[in-house]
Structures are given as structure tokens and as C-alpha cells.
Amino acid sequence: MLSYLHAFHAGNFADVQKHGALALALSMMQAKKSGIACFDTHAGSAIYDLRSERARKTGEADEGVQKLWSARDGLGAEDWKPFLDVLEGFNAGTGKLSVYPGSPAWFQHFLRPSDALTVFELHPSESEQLSGWASEAPIRVLRQDGLAGLLKQLPPKQPRLLTLIDPSYEIKSDYADVAETLGKAWQKCRHGVYLVWYPILTSGLQAQLKEAVRRTDLRKVLCSEVHLRHPPERGMVGSGMLVVNPPWGFDSRLSAMMSDVAGPEVLNMTHDIGWLVPE
């Protein structure tokens, strides 16, 4: 449970999908002035050096965010602009990507005075780095299990809620645990927006998550999946997002974003989007 380190995978194609969806949700929700309680259940260490030994060992960012960055001038979907602006800000306008923000940093970038951010991280070294990064920011860092911790924090004081749930799924029970937590969280805060990331594996284990979500009382669950056109023989062959209570029009805007980068000249993948559970 405590062996996964996202530094080996930061900026890969799955991060592009996950953080693209997160940035879109934040941008759309902040069209209204009322405050948002933001939660990140598996925060990691917030900032990743794409030149580090860990990042270079896998080179996953080269086939992910680096390709998107190189193709940025040709992207047609306007909703990529906030995403690209965040990357440019974290890289000091150098025109090169050497720093990649993890999900807490994406949240923090969009945070307004009326919003609040609580992040969970159980891994000792990740939690320590996360706390150091967040020491000068209005962010609450909790070193505890993010699924159980989220339920204890709901309902929030703020009138609206946005939650990202993205465990590593190294433990097979994570699929059922995520679905169960999602169902309980929705019962506590039915108006909340919940983003759930999951890997698409050659083993097909992700089907357990989707089936478990169908068995809950959840309504209005959007499913976005990307699949690599040239997948590896083992491991992750795609990336998925479930979005509960997405803002109106979110589905078409996310679809446009993913279609923009799915071609062979960028991330070379296919994209499917539809309702796992209708309203």
C-alpha cells in the first residue's frame, strides 16, 4: 500500500487525462462565486521534477505531457488553455517542461479565498514532502487514509464540493473500496462533484469498479476512457475517469479536449465518453 511513488509516472498520458478533467471541472465550477470545498484523497508529493532519476527511469512524461506541450500551438479546444497556463506557470515561462504539478498543485493554482483544500497522503516520505510544499499555502494536509478521511470531512462547510479520488489500485480491493466510498460520500453530499481516476489494465480489473458503481444509488455518472493505440503487453493500456454530477456541458467539453490530443501526432490513443449511470 505504501510502495507506490508517482514520481515514476508523473506527466504520463493518464495524468494528461486526469488533470485535464480536473482543470476543466475547476474552471467550470468557478464560474459561480460561491465557495468550493476541494478534497484530494491520494495527493502524492505535489511537485515532480521531470529530470529526476525516477522520472527518467520510465520516461513516461515523454509520451505524455511532453508530447502535448510540443503540440500545444495546434490544439483547437479552448479548454486546454487553463491547463497549459498552469504548466507554463510552474515552469517559469521557460518554454520547457522540467516541473510537473501533481493534483494538489493543480487544486492550489485555482484556489480562491472562498475555497478550501484538504489533501490526504498516507505514504511517509510523500506526506513529508507534501507538508513542506503546503506549509506556506492555505492547505490542510492530513496523513491518513484518504477514503476514510474523506467521509469524516463530509458534508463540508462550503456550499459546493469537488473531490478527486485516485488511489494507485496496487491492492485489488481498492476497486470495491473506491466504489463503496463514492456511494457513501454521495449520500452525505449529493450535490458534490466527484472525479474518480482508474487505470485500464490488461487484466481488466477496472471492470470491477464500474460494475460496483452501477450497483450503488449513484446517478449521473459520466465515464471517459482513453486507450493507447500501441499498448504494452502488460500493465496499463489506458486510463479512465468517472465524473459524478459533472457541470452542465462538461461531457462535450472534455470530449473535445481528449479528441484534440488523441491523434497519432500527439498521444496516439482513442477516446470514448458516455454515461455509465444516467441521471
Protein backbone atom coordinates (compact mmCIF):
# COMPACT_ATOMS: atom_id res chain seq x y z
CA MET A 1 0.00 0.00 0.00
CA LEU A 2 2.88 2.35 0.74
CA SER A 3 5.22 1.32 -2.09
CA TYR A 4 3.70 3.40 -4.92
CA LEU A 5 5.56 6.59 -5.85
CA HIS A 6 4.01 8.77 -8.52
CA ALA A 7 7.38 10.35 -9.39
CA PHE A 8 7.98 7.40 -11.74
CA HIS A 9 4.78 8.19 -13.65
CA ALA A 10 4.29 11.96 -13.35
CA GLY A 11 3.15 13.61 -16.56
CA ASN A 12 2.20 10.40 -18.35
CA PHE A 13 -0.82 10.13 -20.65
CA ALA A 14 -3.06 9.25 -17.70
CA ASP A 15 -2.04 12.45 -15.89
CA VAL A 16 -2.93 14.42 -19.01
CA GLN A 17 -6.44 12.99 -18.92
CA LYS A 18 -6.85 13.22 -15.14
CA HIS A 19 -5.52 16.74 -14.69
CA GLY A 20 -7.17 17.94 -17.89
CA ALA A 21 -10.51 16.82 -16.43
CA LEU A 22 -9.67 18.36 -13.05
CA ALA A 23 -8.70 21.72 -14.54
CA LEU A 24 -11.87 21.74 -16.62
CA ALA A 25 -14.08 20.94 -13.61
CA LEU A 26 -12.44 23.65 -11.51
CA SER A 27 -12.72 26.23 -14.28
CA MET A 28 -16.39 25.44 -14.87
CA MET A 29 -17.35 25.36 -11.20
CA GLN A 30 -15.60 28.65 -10.50
CA ALA A 31 -17.88 30.38 -12.98
CA LYS A 32 -20.05 30.78 -9.87
CA LYS A 33 -18.80 32.84 -6.92
CA SER A 34 -19.85 30.52 -4.10
CA GLY A 35 -17.05 28.68 -2.31
CA ILE A 36 -15.92 25.15 -3.13
CA ALA A 37 -14.61 22.58 -0.65
CA CYS A 38 -11.88 20.67 -2.53
CA PHE A 39 -10.57 17.28 -1.44
CA ASP A 40 -7.71 15.20 -2.86
CA THR A 41 -7.73 11.69 -1.39
CA HIS A 42 -4.33 10.48 -2.64
CA ALA A 43 -2.27 13.61 -3.02
CA GLY A 44 1.31 12.42 -3.55
CA SER A 45 4.12 14.95 -3.13
CA ALA A 46 2.55 17.79 -5.20
CA ILE A 47 5.55 18.72 -7.37
CA TYR A 48 7.60 16.43 -9.63
CA ASP A 49 10.94 17.01 -11.35
CA LEU A 50 10.74 15.52 -14.83
CA ARG A 51 14.56 15.50 -14.96
CA SER A 52 14.86 13.34 -11.84
CA GLU A 53 16.24 9.81 -11.87
CA ARG A 54 12.81 8.39 -11.10
CA ALA A 55 11.10 10.24 -13.93
CA ARG A 56 13.84 9.45 -16.41
CA LYS A 57 13.83 5.75 -15.47
CA THR A 58 10.41 5.29 -17.05
CA GLY A 59 10.34 8.26 -19.44
CA GLU A 60 6.54 8.23 -19.25
CA ALA A 61 6.25 12.02 -19.42
CA ASP A 62 7.98 11.90 -22.83
CA GLU A 63 4.97 10.02 -24.20
CA GLY A 64 2.50 12.13 -22.25
CA VAL A 65 2.65 15.78 -21.26
CA GLN A 66 5.84 16.48 -23.24
CA LYS A 67 4.11 15.48 -26.47
CA LEU A 68 1.09 17.59 -25.59
CA TRP A 69 3.38 20.53 -24.80
CA SER A 70 5.15 20.20 -28.14
CA ALA A 71 1.79 20.18 -29.96
CA ARG A 72 0.21 22.95 -27.85
CA ASP A 73 0.05 25.54 -30.65
CA GLY A 74 -2.10 23.19 -32.74
CA LEU A 75 -4.66 22.33 -30.07
CA GLY A 76 -8.11 23.51 -31.06
CA ALA A 77 -10.08 23.04 -27.83
CA GLU A 78 -10.11 26.31 -25.87
CA ASP A 79 -10.33 24.40 -22.59
CA TRP A 80 -6.68 23.37 -22.90
CA LYS A 81 -5.64 26.98 -22.23
CA PRO A 82 -6.05 26.87 -18.41
CA PHE A 83 -4.17 23.55 -18.36
CA LEU A 84 -1.30 24.98 -20.42
CA ASP A 85 -1.24 28.17 -18.36
CA VAL A 86 -0.69 26.12 -15.20
CA LEU A 87 2.20 24.22 -16.78
CA GLU A 88 3.78 27.44 -18.01
CA GLY A 89 3.46 29.00 -14.56
CA PHE A 90 5.18 26.10 -12.82
CA ASN A 91 8.00 26.22 -15.36
CA ALA A 92 8.58 29.98 -15.01
CA GLY A 93 7.80 30.70 -18.64
CA THR A 94 10.94 28.93 -19.84
CA GLY A 95 9.11 27.26 -22.72
CA LYS A 96 10.35 23.86 -21.49
CA LEU A 97 8.75 21.40 -19.11
CA SER A 98 11.01 20.30 -16.29
CA VAL A 99 8.44 20.56 -13.49
CA TYR A 100 5.10 18.78 -13.45
CA PRO A 101 2.44 19.65 -10.86
CA GLY A 102 0.63 16.84 -9.08
CA SER A 103 -3.06 17.10 -8.27
CA PRO A 104 -2.64 19.17 -5.05
CA ALA A 105 -0.73 21.78 -7.06
CA TRP A 106 -3.48 21.86 -9.70
CA PHE A 107 -6.06 22.47 -6.99
CA GLN A 108 -3.87 25.09 -5.33
CA HIS A 109 -3.41 27.03 -8.56
CA PHE A 110 -7.17 27.52 -8.93
CA LEU A 111 -7.88 28.11 -5.23
CA ARG A 112 -9.83 31.29 -4.39
CA PRO A 113 -10.20 32.89 -0.93
CA SER A 114 -13.71 31.43 -0.68
CA ASP A 115 -12.48 27.90 -1.48
CA ALA A 116 -10.81 25.36 0.82
CA LEU A 117 -8.43 22.49 0.04
CA THR A 118 -7.86 19.36 2.13
CA VAL A 119 -5.39 16.75 0.90
CA PHE A 120 -4.70 13.26 2.21
CA GLU A 121 -1.46 11.28 1.89
CA LEU A 122 -0.50 8.17 3.85
CA HIS A 123 2.98 7.47 2.43
CA PRO A 124 5.57 8.82 4.95
CA SER A 125 8.06 10.40 2.53
CA GLU A 126 5.35 11.68 0.19
CA SER A 127 3.43 13.14 3.11
CA GLU A 128 6.55 14.89 4.40
CA GLN A 129 7.27 16.49 1.01
CA LEU A 130 3.63 17.43 0.64
CA SER A 131 3.56 19.12 4.05
CA GLY A 132 6.71 21.06 3.24
CA TRP A 133 5.25 22.29 -0.03
CA ALA A 134 1.95 23.24 1.60
CA SER A 135 3.48 24.98 4.63
CA GLU A 136 3.02 28.46 3.17
CA ALA A 137 -0.31 27.80 1.48
CA PRO A 138 -3.86 27.71 2.89
CA ILE A 139 -4.00 23.93 2.52
CA ARG A 140 -4.79 21.30 5.14
CA VAL A 141 -2.61 18.19 4.85
CA LEU A 142 -3.79 15.06 6.65
CA ARG A 143 -1.59 11.97 6.91
CA GLN A 144 -4.30 9.36 6.86
CA ASP A 145 -6.21 7.08 4.52
CA GLY A 146 -7.93 9.35 2.03
CA LEU A 147 -11.05 7.24 1.52
CA ALA A 148 -11.90 7.01 5.21
CA GLY A 149 -10.71 10.56 5.79
CA LEU A 150 -12.97 11.99 3.10
CA LEU A 151 -16.08 10.52 4.65
CA LYS A 152 -15.20 12.07 8.02
CA GLN A 153 -14.99 15.52 6.41
CA LEU A 154 -18.40 15.44 4.73
CA PRO A 155 -20.56 17.42 4.42
CA PRO A 156 -18.24 20.44 4.14
CA LYS A 157 -18.86 23.99 5.37
CA GLN A 158 -18.63 25.42 1.87
CA PRO A 159 -21.80 25.28 -0.26
CA ARG A 160 -20.16 23.20 -3.01
CA LEU A 161 -17.82 20.23 -3.19
CA LEU A 162 -15.21 18.93 -5.65
CA THR A 163 -13.36 15.72 -4.83
CA LEU A 164 -10.61 13.83 -6.67
CA ILE A 165 -10.21 10.14 -5.83
CA ASP A 166 -7.21 8.47 -7.45
CA PRO A 167 -5.53 5.65 -5.50
CA SER A 168 -2.78 3.57 -7.09
CA TYR A 169 -5.00 0.46 -7.19
CA GLU A 170 -2.00 -1.66 -6.20
CA ILE A 171 -4.36 -3.52 -3.88
CA LYS A 172 -7.17 -5.30 -5.71
CA SER A 173 -9.68 -4.34 -3.02
CA ASP A 174 -9.17 -0.65 -3.96
CA TYR A 175 -11.71 -1.02 -6.78
CA ALA A 176 -14.50 -2.08 -4.43
CA ASP A 177 -13.36 0.33 -1.71
CA VAL A 178 -13.48 3.30 -4.07
CA ALA A 179 -16.99 2.43 -5.24
CA GLU A 180 -18.18 1.98 -1.65
CA THR A 181 -16.61 5.28 -0.55
CA LEU A 182 -18.08 7.07 -3.53
CA GLY A 183 -21.56 5.78 -2.71
CA LYS A 184 -21.28 6.81 0.94
CA ALA A 185 -19.85 10.23 0.06
CA TRP A 186 -22.73 10.85 -2.32
CA GLN A 187 -25.21 10.02 0.42
CA LYS A 188 -23.55 12.64 2.65
CA CYS A 189 -23.24 15.28 -0.07
CA ARG A 190 -25.41 14.56 -3.11
CA HIS A 191 -24.72 17.86 -4.83
CA GLY A 192 -20.94 17.27 -4.82
CA VAL A 193 -18.85 16.72 -7.95
CA TYR A 194 -16.66 13.62 -7.66
CA LEU A 195 -13.82 12.76 -10.05
CA VAL A 196 -12.52 9.19 -9.88
CA TRP A 197 -9.45 8.10 -11.82
CA TYR A 198 -8.70 4.44 -12.56
CA PRO A 199 -6.16 2.55 -14.69
CA ILE A 200 -7.28 0.42 -17.61
CA LEU A 201 -5.27 -2.79 -17.34
CA THR A 202 -4.67 -5.86 -19.46
CA SER A 203 -6.16 -7.82 -16.55
CA GLY A 204 -9.47 -5.97 -16.90
CA LEU A 205 -9.73 -5.30 -13.15
CA GLN A 206 -11.21 -1.86 -13.83
CA ALA A 207 -14.49 -3.56 -14.74
CA GLN A 208 -14.95 -4.34 -11.04
CA LEU A 209 -15.03 -0.62 -10.23
CA LYS A 210 -17.54 0.25 -12.90
CA GLU A 211 -19.83 -2.63 -12.02
CA ALA A 212 -19.66 -1.75 -8.32
CA VAL A 213 -20.57 1.88 -9.11
CA ARG A 214 -23.58 0.68 -11.12
CA ARG A 215 -24.78 -1.22 -8.04
CA THR A 216 -24.78 1.92 -5.87
CA ASP A 217 -27.55 4.51 -5.71
CA LEU A 218 -25.39 6.98 -7.64
CA ARG A 219 -26.93 8.89 -10.51
CA LYS A 220 -25.43 10.95 -13.34
CA VAL A 221 -22.04 9.23 -13.64
CA LEU A 222 -20.00 10.13 -16.73
CA CYS A 223 -17.32 7.72 -17.96
CA SER A 224 -14.34 8.91 -20.03
CA GLU A 225 -11.73 6.41 -21.19
CA VAL A 226 -8.62 6.66 -23.33
CA HIS A 227 -6.89 3.61 -24.82
CA LEU A 228 -3.36 3.52 -26.22
CA ARG A 229 -3.25 2.55 -29.89
CA HIS A 230 0.00 0.65 -29.29
CA PRO A 231 -0.40 -0.67 -25.74
CA PRO A 232 2.21 -2.63 -23.81
CA GLU A 233 1.76 -6.37 -23.43
CA ARG A 234 1.30 -5.99 -19.68
CA GLY A 235 0.18 -3.29 -17.29
CA MET A 236 -1.70 -0.11 -18.05
CA VAL A 237 -3.12 0.14 -21.56
CA GLY A 238 -5.45 3.06 -20.93
CA SER A 239 -6.85 5.49 -18.41
CA GLY A 240 -10.36 6.15 -17.16
CA MET A 241 -12.29 8.88 -15.35
CA LEU A 242 -15.67 8.64 -13.67
CA VAL A 243 -17.29 12.00 -13.02
CA VAL A 244 -20.30 12.14 -10.72
CA ASN A 245 -22.54 15.21 -11.08
CA PRO A 246 -20.41 16.89 -13.78
CA PRO A 247 -21.21 20.55 -14.50
CA TRP A 248 -23.64 21.07 -17.36
CA GLY A 249 -21.78 20.75 -20.68
CA PHE A 250 -18.73 19.10 -19.07
CA ASP A 251 -19.13 15.95 -21.17
CA SER A 252 -18.94 17.70 -24.54
CA ARG A 253 -16.07 19.95 -23.44
CA LEU A 254 -14.00 17.07 -22.04
CA SER A 255 -14.70 15.08 -25.18
CA ALA A 256 -13.38 17.95 -27.32
CA MET A 257 -10.23 18.14 -25.19
CA MET A 258 -9.49 14.42 -25.38
CA SER A 259 -10.25 14.25 -29.10
CA ASP A 260 -7.79 17.09 -29.56
CA VAL A 261 -4.88 15.06 -28.19
CA ALA A 262 -5.94 11.53 -29.19
CA GLY A 263 -4.49 11.62 -32.71
CA PRO A 264 -1.26 9.88 -33.76
CA GLU A 265 0.59 13.20 -33.85
CA VAL A 266 0.02 13.78 -30.11
CA LEU A 267 -0.81 10.93 -27.68
CA ASN A 268 -1.85 8.31 -30.23
CA MET A 269 -4.84 6.92 -28.40
CA THR A 270 -8.58 6.51 -28.78
CA HIS A 271 -11.20 8.19 -26.61
CA ASP A 272 -14.68 7.10 -25.59
CA ILE A 273 -17.13 9.00 -23.41
CA GLY A 274 -20.65 8.23 -22.27
CA TRP A 275 -22.91 7.81 -19.27
CA LEU A 276 -22.08 4.86 -17.02
CA VAL A 277 -25.15 5.74 -14.97
CA PRO A 278 -27.75 8.15 -16.37
CA GLU A 279 -29.46 10.86 -14.37
